[in-house]
Amino acid sequence: MDPSLLRMLSTAADEAVAITAPGRAALSYGGLRALVQRTLATLNGLGLGRNDGVAIVLANGPEMATCFISAACGVTTAPLNPAYRADEFEFYLADLNAKALIVEHDSNSPAIEVAQKLGVRLIDLHPGGAAGDFTLQPREGRGPGPGVAAAAGISHGGPAQPDDISMVLHTSGTTSRPKIVPLSQRNLCASARNIAATLQFTAADRGLNIMPLFHIHGLIAGVLAPLAAGSQVYCTPGFNALKFFGWMDEAKPTWYTAVPTMHQAILSRASKNAEVIARHPLRFIRSSSSSMPPQVIRELEEVFKAPLIESYGMTEACHQMASNPLPPGVRKPGSVGLAAGPEVAIMGEDGSLLPRGTGLENTGEIVIRGDNVTAGYLNNPKANAEAYINGWFLTGDQGVMDAEGYVSLTGRLKEIINRGGEKVSPREVDEILMDHAAVAQVVCFGMPHPKLGEEVAAAVVLREGQAATERELQDFVSQRAAEFKVPKKILFMEEIPKGATGKLQRIGLAAKLGLG
């Protein structure tokens, strides 16, 4: 397969719809391809070409989607969370060595002042009429205009080559400095095609994108994969449980993808929107980025009368690594499915690959290799030496692979709670608590203990109108798990704190909740 985003977008007919958005006219594939060529010409005209870092700080929506795609065809994109503070923008822009920053022309983002301080060129995005259409214009006094630069010519202009870096993202480092993950044109194309094949996208599909577009899940699964197959993408301003069903009525989607916390929020409003769900039957629902309790999978499938496809992804793999198959393939709730693109294996502590099976002796670190996997962290030889063994990338996740090849996660190696030598997988305790009738949401985590090192704790959100005590939930867990796995502290909350992309983050949660 040709690893070129430009060629990947050239399969759909010119008049076919590519991008739509709430209350906006549609952008066709012909319009999208013209936009890509125009954007590359503008960027090259400003002296920006292949492997030059261009940061993008735009609100969620169609312009963010198309700006990422257009720029990734010829420069190194760095999509940043628009909610960052000035100090965060300063860290990321400096760390990425960004040469330019794209912002909306009327933006008041603190990133603008930071860019000016660092001498990073500012480029204003002006939205057009159709969803996702835009023009780029350099700010006055920031270097030569397009004509001057174009006349001079740049040696590294034109479309990206397979091994050029098309996107860089930072890992969400827990205690150490975040690492920079470079993803090549080859990585992006391979991942988009893998997902499109797994989900059997056709031109008849319409995706309702509610994921943030500074995140690998939203960019690759929500936007790039469906466009690789000639599908439509309906770009919302970001997740909003109150607006979801209204968007569903306008978009008439055949699928959507989200993280588990979003699915649970949608589920809580689904009973009031049964007619909308009936009007727009989904072909499937997709979940990724963190584990989905099997109880929630079952409930979502009952409400939407559609299969929920749980998949497994990470930034270093340009998102998808494994996925449960669509019907008639077998979905195994609680499993993240079969290898879906890269090779997936389980590695023991000695570096040997373990046989398939679900016993303790088959449990090890999940490792991957393939065209969608990054070649290595940027400027970080120490991290690369720790992350690769014999060509396999170490994911940091612990898991098993059953006899049929289905992968199940048993925990994040760094999240495994070490209670005086007794290892507790927080996911196991999560799933037990989720079986309690009063529990809507739960996240278990390790909290410091003076003698044992760590003790098990849990944060719980109760279902509306339900009640439960700490003792009651502890007794419930103790009936199904060894005493050392029973949470010694259970906090009842209105909402569990989440990261910027909606993921529940176990590491550091104890300190955040005053238990550290």
Protein backbone atom coordinates (compact mmCIF):
# COMPACT_ATOMS: atom_id res chain seq x y z
CA MET A 1 0.00 0.00 0.00
CA ASP A 2 1.24 3.48 -0.88
CA PRO A 3 2.02 5.30 2.41
CA SER A 4 0.79 8.72 1.29
CA LEU A 5 -2.07 10.65 2.87
CA LEU A 6 -2.61 12.55 -0.38
CA ARG A 7 -3.12 9.35 -2.37
CA MET A 8 -5.18 7.79 0.41
CA LEU A 9 -7.67 10.67 0.12
CA SER A 10 -7.92 10.34 -3.66
CA THR A 11 -10.17 7.27 -3.81
CA ALA A 12 -13.56 8.95 -3.26
CA ALA A 13 -15.44 10.75 -6.04
CA ASP A 14 -15.07 14.54 -6.16
CA GLU A 15 -18.74 15.13 -5.35
CA ALA A 16 -18.88 12.66 -2.42
CA VAL A 17 -19.34 14.30 1.01
CA ALA A 18 -16.22 14.23 3.23
CA ILE A 19 -16.86 16.59 6.17
CA THR A 20 -20.03 17.94 7.77
CA ALA A 21 -20.67 19.77 11.03
CA PRO A 22 -23.65 21.12 13.04
CA GLY A 23 -25.46 23.77 10.99
CA ARG A 24 -22.77 23.92 8.25
CA ALA A 25 -22.74 23.12 4.55
CA ALA A 26 -20.84 19.96 3.61
CA LEU A 27 -17.28 19.83 2.25
CA SER A 28 -16.86 17.39 -0.64
CA TYR A 29 -13.83 15.16 -1.26
CA GLY A 30 -13.02 17.34 -4.26
CA GLY A 31 -13.10 20.38 -1.96
CA LEU A 32 -10.95 18.58 0.63
CA ARG A 33 -8.32 17.61 -1.94
CA ALA A 34 -8.20 21.20 -3.26
CA LEU A 35 -7.86 22.44 0.34
CA VAL A 36 -4.90 20.11 0.95
CA GLN A 37 -3.09 21.36 -2.18
CA ARG A 38 -3.82 25.00 -1.31
CA THR A 39 -2.62 24.55 2.29
CA LEU A 40 0.62 22.86 1.21
CA ALA A 41 1.29 25.65 -1.28
CA THR A 42 0.73 28.27 1.45
CA LEU A 43 2.96 26.51 3.97
CA ASN A 44 5.71 25.85 1.41
CA GLY A 45 5.41 29.49 0.33
CA LEU A 46 6.16 30.49 3.92
CA GLY A 47 9.30 28.36 3.86
CA LEU A 48 7.68 25.53 5.83
CA GLY A 49 8.12 22.04 4.42
CA ARG A 50 8.66 18.39 5.20
CA ASN A 51 9.78 17.67 8.79
CA ASP A 52 9.27 21.30 9.88
CA GLY A 53 7.27 21.45 13.13
CA VAL A 54 3.96 23.32 12.89
CA ALA A 55 1.85 23.46 16.06
CA ILE A 56 -1.94 23.63 15.73
CA VAL A 57 -4.10 25.19 18.46
CA LEU A 58 -7.70 25.15 17.25
CA ALA A 59 -11.02 24.41 18.89
CA ASN A 60 -12.58 21.02 18.22
CA GLY A 61 -14.51 21.02 14.98
CA PRO A 62 -14.26 20.61 11.22
CA GLU A 63 -11.43 23.13 10.71
CA MET A 64 -9.27 21.34 13.26
CA ALA A 65 -9.87 18.06 11.40
CA THR A 66 -9.09 19.42 7.95
CA CYS A 67 -6.17 21.58 9.10
CA PHE A 68 -4.51 18.54 10.66
CA ILE A 69 -5.04 16.44 7.52
CA SER A 70 -3.90 19.19 5.12
CA ALA A 71 -0.79 20.10 7.11
CA ALA A 72 0.14 16.45 7.81
CA CYS A 73 0.40 15.93 4.04
CA GLY A 74 3.52 18.11 3.93
CA VAL A 75 4.84 19.25 7.35
CA THR A 76 5.21 17.84 10.86
CA THR A 77 1.97 18.64 12.71
CA ALA A 78 1.81 19.09 16.48
CA PRO A 79 -1.86 19.25 17.58
CA LEU A 80 -2.02 20.83 21.06
CA ASN A 81 -4.84 20.92 23.60
CA PRO A 82 -6.40 24.42 23.35
CA ALA A 83 -7.13 24.28 27.10
CA TYR A 84 -3.43 24.43 28.02
CA ARG A 85 -2.15 27.33 30.14
CA ALA A 86 0.67 29.64 28.99
CA ASP A 87 3.35 27.67 30.87
CA GLU A 88 2.24 24.44 29.19
CA PHE A 89 2.26 26.03 25.74
CA GLU A 90 5.74 27.36 26.42
CA PHE A 91 6.99 23.89 27.37
CA TYR A 92 5.45 22.16 24.34
CA LEU A 93 6.32 24.79 21.71
CA ALA A 94 9.93 24.91 22.93
CA ASP A 95 10.22 21.12 23.34
CA LEU A 96 8.85 20.55 19.83
CA ASN A 97 11.06 23.26 18.33
CA ALA A 98 7.98 24.53 16.49
CA LYS A 99 8.66 26.83 13.55
CA ALA A 100 5.06 28.05 13.26
CA LEU A 101 1.75 28.06 15.12
CA ILE A 102 -1.65 27.89 13.43
CA VAL A 103 -4.50 29.56 15.38
CA GLU A 104 -7.94 30.83 14.43
CA HIS A 105 -7.70 34.47 13.29
CA ASP A 106 -9.82 35.76 16.19
CA SER A 107 -8.33 33.47 18.86
CA ASN A 108 -7.25 34.85 22.24
CA SER A 109 -5.31 31.70 23.19
CA PRO A 110 -2.34 32.23 25.54
CA ALA A 111 -0.38 30.23 22.94
CA ILE A 112 -0.21 33.38 20.76
CA GLU A 113 1.73 35.44 23.29
CA VAL A 114 3.99 32.45 24.02
CA ALA A 115 4.71 31.99 20.30
CA GLN A 116 5.60 35.68 19.97
CA LYS A 117 7.92 35.39 22.99
CA LEU A 118 9.65 32.33 21.50
CA GLY A 119 9.88 33.79 17.99
CA VAL A 120 7.51 31.18 16.53
CA ARG A 121 5.77 32.40 13.35
CA LEU A 122 2.00 32.91 13.70
CA ILE A 123 -0.37 31.78 10.97
CA ASP A 124 -4.05 32.73 11.13
CA LEU A 125 -6.76 30.33 9.99
CA HIS A 126 -9.85 31.91 8.44
CA PRO A 127 -12.82 29.49 8.20
CA GLY A 128 -14.65 29.30 4.88
CA GLY A 129 -18.33 28.63 4.13
CA ALA A 130 -18.33 24.84 4.01
CA ALA A 131 -17.52 22.75 7.10
CA GLY A 132 -13.74 22.45 7.36
CA ASP A 133 -12.90 24.83 4.51
CA PHE A 134 -10.34 27.52 5.42
CA THR A 135 -7.52 29.75 4.23
CA LEU A 136 -4.22 30.39 6.02
CA GLN A 137 -2.64 33.82 6.29
CA PRO A 138 0.62 34.77 8.05
CA ARG A 139 0.39 37.54 10.64
CA GLU A 140 1.84 40.86 9.58
CA GLY A 141 5.51 41.39 10.20
CA ARG A 142 6.28 37.69 10.75
CA GLY A 143 8.84 36.95 8.04
CA PRO A 144 8.52 37.03 4.23
CA GLY A 145 5.13 36.79 2.53
CA PRO A 146 4.15 33.74 0.50
CA GLY A 147 5.28 35.22 -2.81
CA VAL A 148 8.80 36.01 -1.59
CA ALA A 149 9.33 32.62 0.01
CA ALA A 150 7.82 30.76 -2.95
CA ALA A 151 10.09 32.60 -5.37
CA ALA A 152 13.09 31.60 -3.28
CA GLY A 153 11.88 27.97 -3.28
CA ILE A 154 12.48 25.46 -0.50
CA SER A 155 14.39 22.23 -0.94
CA HIS A 156 12.10 20.29 1.41
CA GLY A 157 8.71 21.33 0.00
CA GLY A 158 6.03 19.18 -1.62
CA PRO A 159 4.11 16.17 -0.31
CA ALA A 160 5.51 14.17 2.61
CA GLN A 161 7.62 11.07 1.90
CA PRO A 162 6.88 7.73 3.67
CA ASP A 163 9.43 8.18 6.48
CA ASP A 164 8.91 11.92 7.00
CA ILE A 165 7.47 12.80 10.42
CA SER A 166 3.86 13.86 9.88
CA MET A 167 2.73 14.25 13.49
CA VAL A 168 4.32 14.53 16.91
CA LEU A 169 2.47 14.01 20.17
CA HIS A 170 3.69 13.94 23.76
CA THR A 171 3.02 10.96 25.96
CA SER A 172 1.03 11.81 29.09
CA GLY A 173 4.04 11.33 31.38
CA THR A 174 3.13 10.45 34.96
CA THR A 175 6.09 11.60 37.01
CA SER A 176 8.88 12.04 34.46
CA ARG A 177 9.10 14.49 31.58
CA PRO A 178 6.65 13.59 28.76
CA LYS A 179 8.31 11.86 25.80
CA ILE A 180 7.84 13.03 22.19
CA VAL A 181 6.28 10.40 19.92
CA PRO A 182 7.06 11.03 16.23
CA LEU A 183 4.64 9.38 13.79
CA SER A 184 5.62 9.11 10.14
CA GLN A 185 3.52 9.39 7.00
CA ARG A 186 3.84 5.58 6.79
CA ASN A 187 2.57 5.18 10.41
CA LEU A 188 -0.49 7.40 9.81
CA CYS A 189 -1.49 5.69 6.56
CA ALA A 190 -1.03 2.19 7.99
CA SER A 191 -3.08 2.97 11.08
CA ALA A 192 -5.92 4.63 9.14
CA ARG A 193 -6.13 1.65 6.79
CA ASN A 194 -5.97 -0.87 9.65
CA ILE A 195 -8.93 0.79 11.40
CA ALA A 196 -10.91 1.19 8.16
CA ALA A 197 -10.43 -2.54 7.47
CA THR A 198 -11.34 -3.59 11.04
CA LEU A 199 -14.56 -1.55 10.97
CA GLN A 200 -15.34 -2.36 7.30
CA PHE A 201 -15.97 1.28 6.41
CA THR A 202 -17.70 2.05 3.12
CA ALA A 203 -18.81 5.25 1.40
CA ALA A 204 -22.24 4.71 3.00
CA ASP A 205 -20.87 5.22 6.53
CA ARG A 206 -21.23 8.44 8.51
CA GLY A 207 -19.22 8.88 11.70
CA LEU A 208 -20.33 11.18 14.53
CA ASN A 209 -17.05 12.47 15.95
CA ILE A 210 -17.22 13.59 19.60
CA MET A 211 -13.56 12.91 20.45
CA PRO A 212 -11.07 15.76 21.00
CA LEU A 213 -8.95 16.33 17.91
CA PHE A 214 -5.66 16.95 19.70
CA HIS A 215 -5.79 13.27 20.69
CA ILE A 216 -4.69 10.23 18.65
CA HIS A 217 -8.06 8.45 19.09
CA GLY A 218 -10.07 11.35 17.62
CA LEU A 219 -7.60 12.22 14.86
CA ILE A 220 -6.96 8.71 13.54
CA ALA A 221 -10.07 6.65 14.36
CA GLY A 222 -12.54 9.54 14.32
CA VAL A 223 -11.32 11.36 11.21
CA LEU A 224 -8.49 9.83 9.17
CA ALA A 225 -9.67 6.18 9.05
CA PRO A 226 -13.18 6.94 7.74
CA LEU A 227 -11.78 9.43 5.19
CA ALA A 228 -9.33 6.75 4.00
CA ALA A 229 -12.40 4.69 3.04
CA GLY A 230 -14.39 7.51 1.43
CA SER A 231 -16.81 7.81 4.39
CA GLN A 232 -18.36 10.97 5.84
CA VAL A 233 -17.25 12.54 9.12
CA TYR A 234 -19.57 14.80 11.14
CA CYS A 235 -17.32 16.98 13.33
CA THR A 236 -18.84 18.30 16.57
CA PRO A 237 -17.36 21.03 18.80
CA GLY A 238 -16.42 18.27 21.29
CA PHE A 239 -18.20 15.92 23.62
CA ASN A 240 -21.45 17.15 25.17
CA ALA A 241 -23.87 14.53 26.55
CA LEU A 242 -26.73 17.06 26.44
CA LYS A 243 -26.25 17.67 22.69
CA PHE A 244 -25.31 14.16 21.60
CA PHE A 245 -28.78 13.01 20.60
CA GLY A 246 -29.55 16.29 18.80
CA TRP A 247 -26.36 15.80 16.77
CA MET A 248 -27.41 12.21 16.15
CA ASP A 249 -30.65 13.47 14.59
CA GLU A 250 -28.77 15.90 12.32
CA ALA A 251 -25.82 13.64 11.41
CA LYS A 252 -27.81 10.39 10.94
CA PRO A 253 -24.65 8.44 11.83
CA THR A 254 -23.94 4.76 11.25
CA TRP A 255 -21.33 4.67 14.05
CA TYR A 256 -19.44 6.68 16.66
CA THR A 257 -16.29 6.13 18.71
CA ALA A 258 -15.63 7.34 22.28
CA VAL A 259 -13.85 6.62 25.55
CA PRO A 260 -15.74 4.71 28.27
CA THR A 261 -16.57 7.77 30.39
CA MET A 262 -18.29 9.36 27.36
CA HIS A 263 -20.23 6.17 26.63
CA GLN A 264 -21.44 6.09 30.24
CA ALA A 265 -22.60 9.73 30.06
CA ILE A 266 -24.47 8.98 26.80
CA LEU A 267 -26.02 5.89 28.39
CA SER A 268 -27.32 7.94 31.33
CA ARG A 269 -29.41 10.04 28.86
CA ALA A 270 -30.34 7.27 26.44
CA SER A 271 -33.68 6.31 28.03
CA LYS A 272 -35.01 9.83 27.34
CA ASN A 273 -33.92 9.60 23.69
CA ALA A 274 -35.20 6.16 22.64
CA GLU A 275 -36.97 7.64 19.59
CA VAL A 276 -33.77 9.23 18.28
CA ILE A 277 -31.91 5.94 18.69
CA ALA A 278 -34.71 4.08 16.85
CA ARG A 279 -34.66 6.64 14.00
CA HIS A 280 -30.94 6.23 13.38
CA PRO A 281 -29.90 2.60 13.91
CA LEU A 282 -26.12 2.31 14.30
CA ARG A 283 -24.10 -0.36 12.51
CA PHE A 284 -21.75 -0.47 15.53
CA ILE A 285 -20.37 1.56 18.45
CA ARG A 286 -16.63 1.68 19.12
CA SER A 287 -14.82 2.14 22.44
CA SER A 288 -11.11 2.69 22.97
CA SER A 289 -8.41 4.48 25.02
CA SER A 290 -9.24 2.75 28.32
CA SER A 291 -11.01 -0.39 29.49
CA MET A 292 -14.78 -0.65 29.29
CA PRO A 293 -16.58 -2.53 32.10
CA PRO A 294 -18.39 -5.55 30.55
CA GLN A 295 -21.58 -4.45 32.37
CA VAL A 296 -21.58 -1.14 30.45
CA ILE A 297 -20.90 -2.93 27.15
CA ARG A 298 -23.95 -5.12 27.73
CA GLU A 299 -26.16 -2.12 28.61
CA LEU A 300 -25.03 -0.06 25.60
CA GLU A 301 -25.66 -2.95 23.23
CA GLU A 302 -29.16 -3.43 24.66
CA VAL A 303 -30.03 0.27 24.42
CA PHE A 304 -28.60 0.93 20.93
CA LYS A 305 -29.30 -2.58 19.56
CA ALA A 306 -25.85 -2.48 17.97
CA PRO A 307 -22.58 -4.31 18.70
CA LEU A 308 -20.02 -2.46 20.82
CA ILE A 309 -16.53 -3.02 19.43
CA GLU A 310 -13.91 -2.60 22.14
CA SER A 311 -10.42 -1.88 20.82
CA TYR A 312 -6.97 -1.23 22.22
CA GLY A 313 -4.77 1.66 21.20
CA MET A 314 -1.88 3.87 22.22
CA THR A 315 -0.08 6.90 20.83
CA GLU A 316 3.12 5.00 20.00
CA ALA A 317 1.11 2.67 17.72
CA CYS A 318 -0.64 5.61 16.01
CA HIS A 319 -3.73 4.40 17.90
CA GLN A 320 -5.12 0.92 17.14
CA MET A 321 -3.29 -2.30 18.07
CA ALA A 322 -6.10 -4.80 18.67
CA SER A 323 -9.86 -4.86 18.26
CA ASN A 324 -12.85 -7.09 18.77
CA PRO A 325 -14.28 -7.99 15.35
CA LEU A 326 -17.63 -6.94 13.93
CA PRO A 327 -20.35 -9.60 13.66
CA PRO A 328 -20.35 -12.40 12.64
CA GLY A 329 -16.91 -12.43 14.33
CA VAL A 330 -16.92 -13.21 18.05
CA ARG A 331 -16.82 -10.28 20.49
CA LYS A 332 -15.43 -11.14 23.90
CA PRO A 333 -16.52 -8.53 26.49
CA GLY A 334 -13.59 -7.67 28.75
CA SER A 335 -11.12 -8.53 26.00
CA VAL A 336 -9.61 -5.93 23.65
CA GLY A 337 -9.85 -8.41 20.79
CA LEU A 338 -7.51 -9.73 18.13
CA ALA A 339 -4.40 -8.11 16.66
CA ALA A 340 -5.78 -5.47 14.26
CA GLY A 341 -2.87 -4.18 12.21
CA PRO A 342 0.42 -4.71 13.99
CA GLU A 343 1.76 -8.02 15.28
CA VAL A 344 0.88 -8.45 18.96
CA ALA A 345 2.59 -10.83 21.41
CA ILE A 346 3.06 -11.39 25.15
CA MET A 347 6.63 -11.14 26.47
CA GLY A 348 7.99 -12.62 29.68
CA GLU A 349 10.39 -10.84 32.03
CA ASP A 350 13.33 -12.62 30.37
CA GLY A 351 12.46 -11.21 26.93
CA SER A 352 11.03 -14.48 25.58
CA LEU A 353 7.61 -14.58 23.90
CA LEU A 354 5.06 -16.50 25.99
CA PRO A 355 2.65 -19.14 24.65
CA ARG A 356 -1.05 -18.43 24.36
CA GLY A 357 -3.17 -19.19 27.40
CA THR A 358 -4.91 -17.43 30.27
CA GLY A 359 -2.89 -18.76 33.22
CA LEU A 360 -0.50 -16.77 35.39
CA GLU A 361 2.41 -18.36 33.51
CA ASN A 362 1.02 -16.83 30.27
CA THR A 363 0.78 -13.32 31.75
CA GLY A 364 3.38 -10.81 30.63
CA GLU A 365 3.95 -7.50 28.90
CA ILE A 366 2.06 -6.82 25.67
CA VAL A 367 4.51 -6.07 22.83
CA ILE A 368 3.88 -4.91 19.25
CA ARG A 369 5.61 -4.33 15.92
CA GLY A 370 4.39 -3.16 12.52
CA ASP A 371 4.06 -0.31 10.02
CA ASN A 372 1.87 1.75 12.36
CA VAL A 373 4.37 1.66 15.27
CA THR A 374 6.72 4.61 15.85
CA ALA A 375 10.38 4.02 15.07
CA GLY A 376 11.37 5.56 18.41
CA TYR A 377 10.96 8.55 20.72
CA LEU A 378 12.48 11.84 19.57
CA ASN A 379 15.91 12.74 20.99
CA ASN A 380 15.57 10.18 23.79
CA PRO A 381 18.07 7.30 23.44
CA LYS A 382 17.50 6.20 27.06
CA ALA A 383 13.72 5.82 26.57
CA ASN A 384 14.29 4.01 23.26
CA ALA A 385 16.72 1.56 24.84
CA GLU A 386 14.05 0.74 27.45
CA ALA A 387 11.12 0.62 25.00
CA TYR A 388 12.38 -1.84 22.36
CA ILE A 389 13.59 -5.45 22.59
CA ASN A 390 14.51 -7.36 19.41
CA GLY A 391 12.37 -5.03 17.28
CA TRP A 392 9.33 -5.34 19.59
CA PHE A 393 7.90 -2.20 21.23
CA LEU A 394 7.05 -2.69 24.92
CA THR A 395 3.61 -1.19 25.62
CA GLY A 396 3.88 -1.10 29.43
CA ASP A 397 0.59 -3.02 29.62
CA GLN A 398 0.29 -6.40 31.27
CA GLY A 399 -1.93 -8.98 29.63
CA VAL A 400 -2.59 -12.44 28.24
CA MET A 401 -3.55 -13.86 24.84
CA ASP A 402 -6.01 -16.74 24.84
CA ALA A 403 -5.88 -19.79 22.57
CA GLU A 404 -7.90 -17.96 19.88
CA GLY A 405 -5.62 -14.91 19.90
CA TYR A 406 -7.87 -12.56 21.89
CA VAL A 407 -5.88 -10.17 24.09
CA SER A 408 -7.03 -9.26 27.60
CA LEU A 409 -5.39 -6.52 29.65
CA THR A 410 -4.68 -7.36 33.27
CA GLY A 411 -3.34 -3.93 34.17
CA ARG A 412 -0.89 -1.17 33.40
CA LEU A 413 2.46 -2.36 34.78
CA LYS A 414 2.97 1.00 36.51
CA GLU A 415 -0.61 0.91 37.88
CA ILE A 416 -0.41 -2.57 39.43
CA ILE A 417 -0.83 -2.03 43.19
CA ASN A 418 2.01 -3.60 45.20
CA ARG A 419 0.55 -4.24 48.64
CA GLY A 420 3.50 -5.52 50.65
CA GLY A 421 4.49 -7.85 47.80
CA GLU A 422 0.92 -8.89 46.97
CA LYS A 423 0.09 -7.61 43.47
CA VAL A 424 -3.43 -6.25 42.85
CA SER A 425 -4.76 -5.39 39.38
CA PRO A 426 -7.03 -2.35 39.89
CA ARG A 427 -9.08 -3.37 36.83
CA GLU A 428 -10.09 -6.63 38.51
CA VAL A 429 -11.49 -4.75 41.53
CA ASP A 430 -13.19 -2.21 39.20
CA GLU A 431 -15.11 -5.00 37.49
CA ILE A 432 -16.28 -6.54 40.75
CA LEU A 433 -17.57 -3.20 42.07
CA MET A 434 -19.31 -2.47 38.74
CA ASP A 435 -21.49 -5.54 39.38
CA HIS A 436 -23.01 -3.84 42.44
CA ALA A 437 -26.47 -2.49 41.55
CA ALA A 438 -25.78 0.95 43.08
CA VAL A 439 -22.45 1.60 41.31
CA ALA A 440 -22.43 3.68 38.10
CA GLN A 441 -18.70 4.31 37.79
CA VAL A 442 -15.56 3.27 39.66
CA VAL A 443 -11.80 3.62 39.47
CA CYS A 444 -9.48 1.72 41.84
CA PHE A 445 -5.95 2.94 42.52
CA GLY A 446 -3.05 2.58 44.93
CA MET A 447 -2.73 4.89 47.93
CA PRO A 448 0.39 5.14 50.10
CA HIS A 449 0.62 2.96 53.23
CA PRO A 450 3.38 3.37 55.86
CA LYS A 451 4.08 -0.37 56.24
CA LEU A 452 2.78 -2.08 53.11
CA GLY A 453 3.97 0.59 50.65
CA GLU A 454 0.57 0.69 48.96
CA GLU A 455 -3.02 -0.10 49.84
CA VAL A 456 -6.08 -0.46 47.60
CA ALA A 457 -8.46 2.53 47.35
CA ALA A 458 -11.45 3.26 45.13
CA ALA A 459 -13.42 6.28 43.95
CA VAL A 460 -17.08 5.50 43.25
CA VAL A 461 -19.96 7.35 41.58
CA LEU A 462 -23.36 5.94 42.57
CA ARG A 463 -26.32 5.58 40.21
CA GLU A 464 -28.95 8.29 40.51
CA GLY A 465 -31.36 7.51 43.35
CA GLN A 466 -29.21 4.60 44.67
CA ALA A 467 -27.38 4.37 47.99
CA ALA A 468 -24.51 2.28 49.33
CA THR A 469 -22.05 2.55 52.23
CA GLU A 470 -18.30 1.99 52.24
CA ARG A 471 -18.77 -1.11 54.42
CA GLU A 472 -21.42 -2.54 52.11
CA LEU A 473 -19.18 -2.22 49.04
CA GLN A 474 -16.18 -3.64 50.90
CA ASP A 475 -18.26 -6.68 51.92
CA PHE A 476 -19.43 -7.06 48.31
CA VAL A 477 -15.81 -7.21 47.05
CA SER A 478 -14.72 -9.56 49.86
CA GLN A 479 -17.28 -12.15 48.71
CA ARG A 480 -15.54 -12.40 45.33
CA ALA A 481 -11.89 -11.53 45.93
CA ALA A 482 -9.12 -12.20 48.42
CA GLU A 483 -9.04 -9.91 51.46
CA PHE A 484 -5.90 -8.09 50.29
CA LYS A 485 -7.78 -6.90 47.17
CA VAL A 486 -10.63 -5.28 49.13
CA PRO A 487 -10.39 -1.44 49.00
CA LYS A 488 -9.49 -0.11 52.45
CA LYS A 489 -10.79 3.31 51.48
CA ILE A 490 -13.77 4.09 49.25
CA LEU A 491 -14.55 7.70 48.32
CA PHE A 492 -18.04 8.55 47.07
CA MET A 493 -17.95 11.30 44.45
CA GLU A 494 -20.28 13.20 42.11
CA GLU A 495 -17.69 12.80 39.37
CA ILE A 496 -14.30 11.12 39.10
CA PRO A 497 -11.49 13.47 37.97
CA LYS A 498 -10.40 12.74 34.39
CA GLY A 499 -7.56 13.71 32.10
CA ALA A 500 -7.99 16.11 29.16
CA THR A 501 -9.14 13.33 26.82
CA GLY A 502 -11.74 11.90 29.20
CA LYS A 503 -9.56 9.03 30.40
CA LEU A 504 -9.62 7.98 34.05
CA GLN A 505 -6.07 8.28 35.35
CA ARG A 506 -5.15 5.98 38.22
CA ILE A 507 -1.57 7.18 38.62
CA GLY A 508 -1.47 10.26 40.85
CA LEU A 509 -5.16 9.95 41.77
CA ALA A 510 -4.43 9.29 45.45
CA ALA A 511 -2.58 12.60 45.77
CA LYS A 512 -5.26 14.42 43.74
CA LEU A 513 -7.97 13.14 46.12
CA GLY A 514 -6.00 13.97 49.28
CA LEU A 515 -4.96 10.38 50.07
CA GLY A 516 -1.32 10.75 49.02
